[in-house]
Each structure stands twice: as structure tokens, then as C-alpha cells.
């Protein structure tokens, strides 16, 4: 068993003392060096010490504001406040929820959450009517702001 430190980088080496090949005619074993190859994570993309995550945001939450649940690397769920009129692809930063530092044993990276605004695939008649009313209001507002 080899202990791999949290926050290790891709390509880093880990030394395992005395577990390599024998050195010549001596009975002593050399050290074994392992080269680390990180497997991709199912949720997070890593860029240095920062983590990136895409999260679905409903149309109503993007328009009116609200909160979404975000799972951190440690498995903890935190609430991320989504402001009204959030745009598709807008990125939010959660400080110190990225990768841990090898030296400090604390989290020094950030978690960046990208809002994937999801439109409904079907509208019933009431939803369609409300969408048409909103479109008319937005059109009216854009004409008065010119």
C-alpha cells in the first residue's frame, strides 16, 4: 500500500523507501519511485489548484434568482446563491473549495461553477401564454430604452 497525498499533481513522483530493486550484490533494496497519472473525475475538471463544475439552473431560477445545491470535492453540499437574470454560461466562484495544498494541508484553490441554464422542452398553454406576455414586456421595454 502506498499513501498518495491529497492535492498531488499529475506527473508528480512518490517515493516508496526500500521497495525498489536490490542494489548490486547488497541485500539492501533501492527506493521505488511511482509516477502519478491522475484519472479524470466524474464531476470536476481540474486546472491547477482550481476545480470547475457545470450545474444545471432552471429557467425560473436564472430569471428570478434562487439557490442551487453544489457538491464540493469533500462530498459536502453547499448552497450557491444564483442572482436574478443569471446568463447561460455565467461562472460563480466559491473560495477555497478547490484542491488542497500539499504543503499547507488546507484548500487553497477555488471551485468555479458554470451555470447551464436549462430551457423547458415543452410548454403547456398557460406557460406559453406567460412566456408570450414576458416577451411582449421585454420588447416594450427595449423600445422605450432607445
Foldseek 3Di string as FASTA:
>chain_A
DDDDDFQDDQQDKDKAQQPADDDPPDPTRHIDIDTHHDDDDPAWDDDRQETEGEDEDEPCCQADWDWDWDQFPVRDIDIDTHHHNHDQQDKDKDAQRTTADPPPRGRHYIYIYGYHYDYDPDDDPVRVVVVVVVVVVVVVVVVVVD
